[in-house]
Amino acid sequence: MKALLTAALLTATALPAFAFDPANMSEAEKAAFGEAVRDYLMANPDVLIESINVLEERRAADEAKNDQLLVESNRDAIFDDGHSWVGGNPQGDVTLVEFIDYRCGVCKRVNPELEKLISADGNIRWILKEFPILTQESDMAARFAVAVQQEAGPEAYKKAHDALMASRGPVNLESLTKLAGELGVDSQAVLNRMNTEEVSAVLRKNHQLAEQMRIMGTPTFIIEGEMLRGVPAEGLEGAIARARAAKAEG
């Protein structure tokens, strides 16, 4: 395509190939050249589309490479922070980390699919990171989930997580008190813990990590060395397969 464009432009400007030098063109030649470019692109708009696609592919490749570097430089905080819930298969061969907000519609929509994927695969280590960024209710829900984990352990946390993801109602003290009762945890102890430094420290560390990773939305996934800013149209299976393939090669 580029060869065709060059040939057309050279023909239009009546310049032999060996003499084509934009820096030495006369004003008349520049005008003719510009007109030839315009005419060619108007007649062949697919050239512009092709160029834009190439630029987009290069940009995406650069971003993916930068994200890989961010993951590598923050591995401990991502995969072994000591406070995030770890489920799925804790000894799985692939680790999937998810940054979540309980008021995020996409997080809620993808959660059942993610549960099915992790259950069917059976070999995925799943880490959840509370990252409330949307509303005050986001913060309350995250504080509740972390407080449940600190008060009652990881199993109770997962039940709280599932309930908050499934909920379509408001998040307030009344709804959280009711939820704590349904979970069978000490509601007063959980509510009292929500605004403690122990809970605040977890959210603060997650936000600091997100800032370092340039994460600004939910859900964001990290699957081994690859970061996915949102849910790919083809799902997460491809990234999991790539992670396994990379481990096999390495």
Protein backbone atom coordinates (compact mmCIF):
# COMPACT_ATOMS: atom_id res chain seq x y z
CA MET A 1 0.00 0.00 0.00
CA LYS A 2 2.77 2.43 0.87
CA ALA A 3 4.53 1.58 -2.39
CA LEU A 4 1.35 2.35 -4.33
CA LEU A 5 0.96 5.67 -2.54
CA THR A 6 4.56 6.63 -3.24
CA ALA A 7 4.20 5.70 -6.90
CA ALA A 8 1.01 7.70 -7.23
CA LEU A 9 2.50 10.74 -5.59
CA LEU A 10 5.63 10.63 -7.71
CA THR A 11 3.57 10.32 -10.85
CA ALA A 12 1.29 13.19 -9.84
CA THR A 13 4.18 15.51 -9.15
CA ALA A 14 6.06 14.43 -12.27
CA LEU A 15 9.19 13.87 -10.21
CA PRO A 16 11.49 10.93 -10.88
CA ALA A 17 11.99 8.64 -7.91
CA PHE A 18 15.63 9.58 -7.43
CA ALA A 19 14.73 13.30 -7.28
CA PHE A 20 11.91 13.03 -4.71
CA ASP A 21 13.05 15.20 -1.80
CA PRO A 22 10.32 17.14 0.08
CA ALA A 23 12.91 19.49 1.61
CA ASN A 24 13.98 20.70 -1.82
CA MET A 25 10.55 20.99 -3.40
CA SER A 26 9.41 24.27 -4.89
CA GLU A 27 6.16 25.85 -3.75
CA ALA A 28 4.48 24.59 -6.91
CA GLU A 29 5.79 21.08 -6.34
CA LYS A 30 4.64 21.15 -2.69
CA ALA A 31 1.18 22.24 -3.79
CA ALA A 32 1.05 19.48 -6.38
CA PHE A 33 2.31 16.98 -3.85
CA GLY A 34 -0.33 17.98 -1.30
CA GLU A 35 -3.07 17.76 -3.88
CA ALA A 36 -1.83 14.33 -4.97
CA VAL A 37 -1.86 13.10 -1.36
CA ARG A 38 -5.37 14.40 -0.84
CA ASP A 39 -6.65 12.88 -4.07
CA TYR A 40 -5.08 9.54 -3.30
CA LEU A 41 -6.46 9.37 0.25
CA MET A 42 -9.92 10.41 -0.92
CA ALA A 43 -9.82 7.62 -3.49
CA ASN A 44 -8.26 5.12 -1.06
CA PRO A 45 -9.60 5.81 2.47
CA ASP A 46 -8.61 2.29 3.50
CA VAL A 47 -5.01 3.58 3.66
CA LEU A 48 -5.97 5.85 6.57
CA ILE A 49 -7.83 3.05 8.32
CA GLU A 50 -4.83 0.78 7.91
CA SER A 51 -2.50 3.43 9.33
CA ILE A 52 -4.77 4.10 12.30
CA ASN A 53 -4.99 0.37 13.02
CA VAL A 54 -1.22 0.06 12.97
CA LEU A 55 -0.83 3.00 15.35
CA GLU A 56 -3.47 1.56 17.69
CA GLU A 57 -1.71 -1.82 17.71
CA ARG A 58 1.59 -0.15 18.57
CA ARG A 59 -0.03 1.91 21.33
CA ALA A 60 -1.69 -1.17 22.83
CA ALA A 61 1.58 -3.09 22.70
CA ASP A 62 3.42 -0.26 24.46
CA GLU A 63 0.74 -0.05 27.16
CA ALA A 64 0.84 -3.81 27.71
CA LYS A 65 4.62 -3.69 28.07
CA ASN A 66 4.38 -0.83 30.57
CA ASP A 67 1.72 -2.72 32.54
CA GLN A 68 3.97 -5.78 32.69
CA LEU A 69 6.72 -3.64 34.16
CA LEU A 70 4.31 -2.25 36.75
CA VAL A 71 3.23 -5.75 37.74
CA GLU A 72 6.81 -6.94 38.03
CA SER A 73 7.84 -4.01 40.22
CA ASN A 74 4.87 -4.47 42.58
CA ARG A 75 4.64 -8.26 42.77
CA ASP A 76 4.69 -8.61 46.56
CA ALA A 77 1.95 -6.05 47.11
CA ILE A 78 -0.16 -7.59 44.34
CA PHE A 79 0.16 -11.29 45.07
CA ASP A 80 1.18 -11.53 48.73
CA ASP A 81 0.06 -8.46 50.69
CA GLY A 82 -0.94 -10.41 53.80
CA HIS A 83 -4.42 -8.86 54.13
CA SER A 84 -6.38 -9.65 50.96
CA TRP A 85 -8.77 -12.60 50.76
CA VAL A 86 -7.32 -15.57 48.88
CA GLY A 87 -9.67 -18.21 47.49
CA GLY A 88 -10.28 -20.43 44.53
CA ASN A 89 -7.42 -22.91 44.72
CA PRO A 90 -4.79 -21.30 46.99
CA GLN A 91 -2.19 -23.65 45.46
CA GLY A 92 -3.33 -23.00 41.90
CA ASP A 93 -0.88 -22.65 39.05
CA VAL A 94 -2.29 -19.26 37.94
CA THR A 95 -3.12 -16.31 40.19
CA LEU A 96 -5.95 -13.96 39.29
CA VAL A 97 -6.18 -10.69 41.23
CA GLU A 98 -9.34 -8.58 41.03
CA PHE A 99 -9.77 -4.96 42.16
CA ILE A 100 -13.45 -4.53 43.06
CA ASP A 101 -16.03 -1.93 44.05
CA TYR A 102 -19.34 -3.25 45.40
CA ARG A 103 -21.27 -0.45 43.67
CA CYS A 104 -19.68 -1.23 40.31
CA GLY A 105 -22.28 -2.58 37.90
CA VAL A 106 -19.71 -4.36 35.74
CA CYS A 107 -18.19 -6.04 38.82
CA LYS A 108 -21.63 -7.31 39.79
CA ARG A 109 -22.42 -8.51 36.29
CA VAL A 110 -19.15 -10.38 35.77
CA ASN A 111 -19.02 -11.95 39.24
CA PRO A 112 -21.22 -15.00 38.48
CA GLU A 113 -19.24 -15.71 35.32
CA LEU A 114 -15.99 -15.37 37.24
CA GLU A 115 -17.22 -17.76 39.92
CA LYS A 116 -18.14 -20.33 37.28
CA LEU A 117 -14.78 -19.96 35.55
CA ILE A 118 -12.77 -20.39 38.73
CA SER A 119 -14.88 -23.34 39.87
CA ALA A 120 -14.73 -25.10 36.49
CA ASP A 121 -10.98 -24.55 36.11
CA GLY A 122 -10.12 -25.72 39.60
CA ASN A 123 -6.54 -24.47 39.44
CA ILE A 124 -6.85 -20.69 39.77
CA ARG A 125 -5.71 -18.81 42.87
CA TRP A 126 -8.14 -15.90 43.31
CA ILE A 127 -7.28 -12.72 45.23
CA LEU A 128 -9.79 -9.96 45.93
CA LYS A 129 -8.70 -6.38 46.61
CA GLU A 130 -11.22 -3.91 47.98
CA PHE A 131 -10.94 -0.73 45.90
CA PRO A 132 -13.93 1.52 46.67
CA ILE A 133 -13.85 4.51 44.32
CA LEU A 134 -17.39 5.21 43.13
CA THR A 135 -19.54 6.38 46.04
CA GLN A 136 -19.72 6.67 49.81
CA GLU A 137 -21.69 3.42 49.74
CA SER A 138 -18.70 1.81 48.00
CA ASP A 139 -16.53 2.76 50.96
CA MET A 140 -19.07 1.52 53.51
CA ALA A 141 -19.46 -1.82 51.74
CA ALA A 142 -15.69 -2.31 51.47
CA ARG A 143 -15.18 -1.43 55.13
CA PHE A 144 -17.90 -3.89 56.09
CA ALA A 145 -16.31 -6.71 54.06
CA VAL A 146 -12.85 -6.07 55.50
CA ALA A 147 -14.26 -5.81 59.03
CA VAL A 148 -16.06 -9.14 58.59
CA GLN A 149 -12.82 -10.76 57.47
CA GLN A 150 -10.91 -9.37 60.44
CA GLU A 151 -13.63 -10.29 62.92
CA ALA A 152 -14.83 -13.63 61.58
CA GLY A 153 -12.28 -14.92 59.06
CA PRO A 154 -12.04 -15.65 55.32
CA GLU A 155 -15.12 -17.87 55.00
CA ALA A 156 -17.36 -15.18 56.49
CA TYR A 157 -15.69 -12.60 54.24
CA LYS A 158 -16.52 -14.62 51.13
CA LYS A 159 -20.16 -14.85 52.18
CA ALA A 160 -20.21 -11.09 52.75
CA HIS A 161 -18.56 -10.54 49.36
CA ASP A 162 -21.13 -12.73 47.60
CA ALA A 163 -24.03 -10.97 49.33
CA LEU A 164 -22.71 -7.49 48.54
CA MET A 165 -22.12 -8.43 44.90
CA ALA A 166 -25.63 -9.82 44.58
CA SER A 167 -27.29 -6.90 46.37
CA ARG A 168 -29.12 -4.26 44.35
CA GLY A 169 -30.32 -2.29 47.34
CA PRO A 170 -28.78 0.60 49.27
CA VAL A 171 -25.75 0.20 51.50
CA ASN A 172 -26.28 1.79 54.89
CA LEU A 173 -26.03 0.92 58.57
CA GLU A 174 -29.46 -0.68 58.54
CA SER A 175 -28.75 -2.94 55.55
CA LEU A 176 -25.29 -3.86 56.83
CA THR A 177 -26.61 -4.68 60.29
CA LYS A 178 -29.19 -6.97 58.69
CA LEU A 179 -26.55 -8.58 56.48
CA ALA A 180 -24.26 -9.22 59.45
CA GLY A 181 -27.13 -11.05 61.17
CA GLU A 182 -27.76 -13.15 58.06
CA LEU A 183 -24.07 -14.04 57.95
CA GLY A 184 -24.14 -15.12 61.58
CA VAL A 185 -21.41 -12.71 62.68
CA ASP A 186 -21.42 -10.29 65.58
CA SER A 187 -23.03 -7.27 63.92
CA GLN A 188 -22.03 -4.79 66.59
CA ALA A 189 -18.41 -5.92 66.58
CA VAL A 190 -18.27 -5.67 62.80
CA LEU A 191 -19.89 -2.23 62.70
CA ASN A 192 -17.58 -0.98 65.44
CA ARG A 193 -14.55 -2.21 63.52
CA MET A 194 -15.49 -0.62 60.19
CA ASN A 195 -13.93 2.77 60.97
CA THR A 196 -10.88 1.51 62.84
CA GLU A 197 -7.32 2.04 61.69
CA GLU A 198 -6.99 -1.71 61.03
CA VAL A 199 -9.66 -1.51 58.34
CA SER A 200 -8.57 1.89 57.05
CA ALA A 201 -5.00 0.61 56.65
CA VAL A 202 -6.17 -2.17 54.31
CA LEU A 203 -8.09 0.23 52.07
CA ARG A 204 -5.26 2.75 52.15
CA LYS A 205 -2.72 0.16 51.03
CA ASN A 206 -5.01 -1.01 48.24
CA HIS A 207 -5.46 2.56 47.02
CA GLN A 208 -1.72 3.20 47.17
CA LEU A 209 -1.08 0.07 45.14
CA ALA A 210 -3.74 1.06 42.60
CA GLU A 211 -2.15 4.48 42.26
CA GLN A 212 1.27 2.91 41.64
CA MET A 213 -0.31 0.57 39.08
CA ARG A 214 -2.23 3.46 37.44
CA ILE A 215 -5.49 1.65 38.10
CA MET A 216 -8.42 4.05 37.90
CA GLY A 217 -11.43 1.77 37.42
CA THR A 218 -13.08 -1.47 38.41
CA PRO A 219 -12.98 -4.26 37.72
CA THR A 220 -9.27 -4.44 37.00
CA PHE A 221 -7.65 -7.87 36.75
CA ILE A 222 -4.05 -8.96 37.07
CA ILE A 223 -3.43 -12.48 35.82
CA GLU A 224 0.18 -13.36 36.52
CA GLY A 225 2.11 -10.76 34.48
CA GLU A 226 -0.81 -9.34 32.48
CA MET A 227 -3.07 -6.51 33.59
CA LEU A 228 -6.58 -6.19 32.16
CA ARG A 229 -8.24 -2.83 32.69
CA GLY A 230 -11.81 -4.07 32.46
CA VAL A 231 -13.36 -7.27 31.15
CA PRO A 232 -12.15 -8.31 27.68
CA ALA A 233 -14.91 -8.95 25.16
CA GLU A 234 -13.64 -12.51 24.79
CA GLY A 235 -13.64 -13.09 28.54
CA LEU A 236 -10.79 -14.00 30.89
CA GLU A 237 -10.06 -17.47 29.57
CA GLY A 238 -7.59 -16.19 27.00
CA ALA A 239 -5.49 -14.37 29.60
CA ILE A 240 -5.46 -17.45 31.82
CA ALA A 241 -4.34 -19.60 28.88
CA ARG A 242 -1.60 -17.09 28.05
CA ALA A 243 -0.40 -17.12 31.65
CA ARG A 244 -0.14 -20.90 31.65
CA ALA A 245 1.62 -20.91 28.29
CA ALA A 246 4.14 -18.32 29.53
CA LYS A 247 4.86 -20.44 32.62
CA ALA A 248 5.34 -23.53 30.47
CA GLU A 249 7.81 -21.69 28.26
CA GLY A 250 9.66 -20.17 31.20
